[in-house]
Amino acid sequence: MKKLSVHKKEISANLAKAVEQAIQAIDNVKQGKKLKKLVQRSSKKIAEKIAEQLKKEQKKQKQTEKSLAKMEKALGGEAGKKKKAKTEKKKDA
C-alpha cells in the first residue's frame, strides 16, 4: 500500500492557489487584502475536512488489505494459532 502524506498546510496552500487563479480569471475583480484573508481562512477550513477524509479513506483501505491478507492465508491452508482440544488441555493439566 502506498501511503499518502496528509499535510493540512500543503493542502491549504494548493487550494488557496487554485482559488486565487480562479478569481484572477474573472473579469473586473480586484484581489485585495480582505479577499486574500477570506481565501486563506476558507482554504484552511476546507483543508482540515479534506485531510480528515483522506485519513479515513487510508484507514479503511488498510483494514481491507489486512482482511484480504487473512483470507488469502486461510484459503492457502495457512492456519493461525492451533488451539488444543479440550481433552488435550485436561491431559496436560
C-alpha atoms as a PDB file:
ATOM      1  CA  MET A   1       0.000   0.000   0.000  1.00  0.00           C
ATOM      2  CA  LYS A   2       1.329   3.389  -0.931  1.00  0.00           C
ATOM      3  CA  LYS A   3       0.997   5.783   1.966  1.00  0.00           C
ATOM      4  CA  LEU A   4      -0.158   9.246   1.027  1.00  0.00           C
ATOM      5  CA  SER A   5       1.083  12.129   3.091  1.00  0.00           C
ATOM      6  CA  VAL A   6      -1.702  14.197   4.574  1.00  0.00           C
ATOM      7  CA  HIS A   7      -0.483  17.674   5.433  1.00  0.00           C
ATOM      8  CA  LYS A   8      -3.092  20.326   6.114  1.00  0.00           C
ATOM      9  CA  LYS A   9      -0.729  23.185   5.264  1.00  0.00           C
ATOM     10  CA  GLU A  10       0.150  21.692   1.892  1.00  0.00           C
ATOM     11  CA  ILE A  11      -3.479  21.046   1.021  1.00  0.00           C
ATOM     12  CA  SER A  12      -4.433  24.535   2.160  1.00  0.00           C
ATOM     13  CA  ALA A  13      -1.697  26.192   0.087  1.00  0.00           C
ATOM     14  CA  ASN A  14      -2.659  24.271  -3.053  1.00  0.00           C
ATOM     15  CA  LEU A  15      -6.314  25.074  -2.528  1.00  0.00           C
ATOM     16  CA  ALA A  16      -5.611  28.778  -1.945  1.00  0.00           C
ATOM     17  CA  LYS A  17      -3.542  28.966  -5.151  1.00  0.00           C
ATOM     18  CA  ALA A  18      -6.311  27.334  -7.144  1.00  0.00           C
ATOM     19  CA  VAL A  19      -8.957  29.689  -5.771  1.00  0.00           C
ATOM     20  CA  GLU A  20      -6.763  32.747  -6.409  1.00  0.00           C
ATOM     21  CA  GLN A  21      -6.210  31.647 -10.012  1.00  0.00           C
ATOM     22  CA  ALA A  22      -9.946  31.190 -10.455  1.00  0.00           C
ATOM     23  CA  ILE A  23     -10.588  34.677  -9.070  1.00  0.00           C
ATOM     24  CA  GLN A  24      -7.992  36.188 -11.412  1.00  0.00           C
ATOM     25  CA  ALA A  25      -9.742  34.542 -14.363  1.00  0.00           C
ATOM     26  CA  ILE A  26     -12.889  36.521 -13.571  1.00  0.00           C
ATOM     27  CA  ASP A  27     -13.008  39.919 -15.262  1.00  0.00           C
ATOM     28  CA  ASN A  28     -13.252  43.166 -13.272  1.00  0.00           C
ATOM     29  CA  VAL A  29     -12.248  41.662  -9.912  1.00  0.00           C
ATOM     30  CA  LYS A  30      -9.555  43.232  -7.759  1.00  0.00           C
ATOM     31  CA  GLN A  31      -7.793  40.969  -5.340  1.00  0.00           C
ATOM     32  CA  GLY A  32      -7.439  42.979  -2.132  1.00  0.00           C
ATOM     33  CA  LYS A  33      -6.372  42.144   1.412  1.00  0.00           C
ATOM     34  CA  LYS A  34      -9.876  41.230   2.529  1.00  0.00           C
ATOM     35  CA  LEU A  35     -10.344  38.805  -0.326  1.00  0.00           C
ATOM     36  CA  LYS A  36      -6.947  37.203   0.311  1.00  0.00           C
ATOM     37  CA  LYS A  37      -7.775  36.776   4.025  1.00  0.00           C
ATOM     38  CA  LEU A  38     -11.111  35.233   3.159  1.00  0.00           C
ATOM     39  CA  VAL A  39      -9.476  32.791   0.744  1.00  0.00           C
ATOM     40  CA  GLN A  40      -6.809  31.819   3.300  1.00  0.00           C
ATOM     41  CA  ARG A  41      -9.333  31.304   6.086  1.00  0.00           C
ATOM     42  CA  SER A  42     -11.711  29.258   3.988  1.00  0.00           C
ATOM     43  CA  SER A  43      -8.913  27.186   2.458  1.00  0.00           C
ATOM     44  CA  LYS A  44      -7.709  26.239   5.956  1.00  0.00           C
ATOM     45  CA  LYS A  45     -11.174  25.028   6.929  1.00  0.00           C
ATOM     46  CA  ILE A  46     -11.605  23.082   3.709  1.00  0.00           C
ATOM     47  CA  ALA A  47      -8.104  21.595   4.046  1.00  0.00           C
ATOM     48  CA  GLU A  48      -8.980  20.251   7.509  1.00  0.00           C
ATOM     49  CA  LYS A  49     -12.021  18.469   6.107  1.00  0.00           C
ATOM     50  CA  ILE A  50     -10.069  17.070   3.157  1.00  0.00           C
ATOM     51  CA  ALA A  51      -7.237  15.820   5.411  1.00  0.00           C
ATOM     52  CA  GLU A  52      -9.740  14.161   7.735  1.00  0.00           C
ATOM     53  CA  GLN A  53     -11.442  12.455   4.807  1.00  0.00           C
ATOM     54  CA  LEU A  54      -8.120  11.227   3.375  1.00  0.00           C
ATOM     55  CA  LYS A  55      -7.108   9.752   6.727  1.00  0.00           C
ATOM     56  CA  LYS A  56     -10.407   7.881   6.994  1.00  0.00           C
ATOM     57  CA  GLU A  57     -10.021   6.501   3.474  1.00  0.00           C
ATOM     58  CA  GLN A  58      -6.462   5.360   4.198  1.00  0.00           C
ATOM     59  CA  LYS A  59      -7.607   3.641   7.382  1.00  0.00           C
ATOM     60  CA  LYS A  60     -10.400   1.813   5.543  1.00  0.00           C
ATOM     61  CA  GLN A  61      -8.027   0.740   2.787  1.00  0.00           C
ATOM     62  CA  LYS A  62      -5.524  -0.579   5.326  1.00  0.00           C
ATOM     63  CA  GLN A  63      -8.236  -2.584   7.088  1.00  0.00           C
ATOM     64  CA  THR A  64      -9.474  -4.103   3.838  1.00  0.00           C
ATOM     65  CA  GLU A  65      -5.936  -5.095   2.860  1.00  0.00           C
ATOM     66  CA  LYS A  66      -5.440  -6.776   6.242  1.00  0.00           C
ATOM     67  CA  SER A  67      -8.675  -8.722   5.917  1.00  0.00           C
ATOM     68  CA  LEU A  68      -7.784  -9.769   2.363  1.00  0.00           C
ATOM     69  CA  ALA A  69      -4.391 -10.983   3.551  1.00  0.00           C
ATOM     70  CA  LYS A  70      -6.068 -13.045   6.301  1.00  0.00           C
ATOM     71  CA  MET A  71      -8.489 -14.555   3.814  1.00  0.00           C
ATOM     72  CA  GLU A  72      -5.669 -15.438   1.411  1.00  0.00           C
ATOM     73  CA  LYS A  73      -3.773 -17.138   4.236  1.00  0.00           C
ATOM     74  CA  ALA A  74      -6.869 -19.083   5.238  1.00  0.00           C
ATOM     75  CA  LEU A  75      -7.556 -20.162   1.674  1.00  0.00           C
ATOM     76  CA  GLY A  76      -3.925 -21.090   1.165  1.00  0.00           C
ATOM     77  CA  GLY A  77      -4.049 -23.526   4.044  1.00  0.00           C
ATOM     78  CA  GLU A  78      -2.025 -21.474   6.465  1.00  0.00           C
ATOM     79  CA  ALA A  79      -3.886 -21.570   9.733  1.00  0.00           C
ATOM     80  CA  GLY A  80      -3.330 -19.229  12.596  1.00  0.00           C
ATOM     81  CA  LYS A  81      -2.521 -20.498  16.060  1.00  0.00           C
ATOM     82  CA  LYS A  82      -3.683 -24.045  16.541  1.00  0.00           C
ATOM     83  CA  LYS A  83      -5.868 -24.482  19.551  1.00  0.00           C
ATOM     84  CA  LYS A  84      -5.638 -27.515  21.754  1.00  0.00           C
ATOM     85  CA  ALA A  85      -8.725 -29.595  22.057  1.00  0.00           C
ATOM     86  CA  LYS A  86     -10.439 -29.669  25.448  1.00  0.00           C
ATOM     87  CA  THR A  87      -9.338 -33.234  26.070  1.00  0.00           C
ATOM     88  CA  GLU A  88      -5.698 -32.346  25.422  1.00  0.00           C
ATOM     89  CA  LYS A  89      -5.925 -29.427  27.851  1.00  0.00           C
ATOM     90  CA  LYS A  90      -7.180 -31.695  30.605  1.00  0.00           C
ATOM     91  CA  LYS A  91      -4.440 -34.249  29.990  1.00  0.00           C
ATOM     92  CA  ASP A  92      -1.738 -31.537  30.163  1.00  0.00           C
ATOM     93  CA  ALA A  93      -3.030 -30.158  33.451  1.00  0.00           C
END
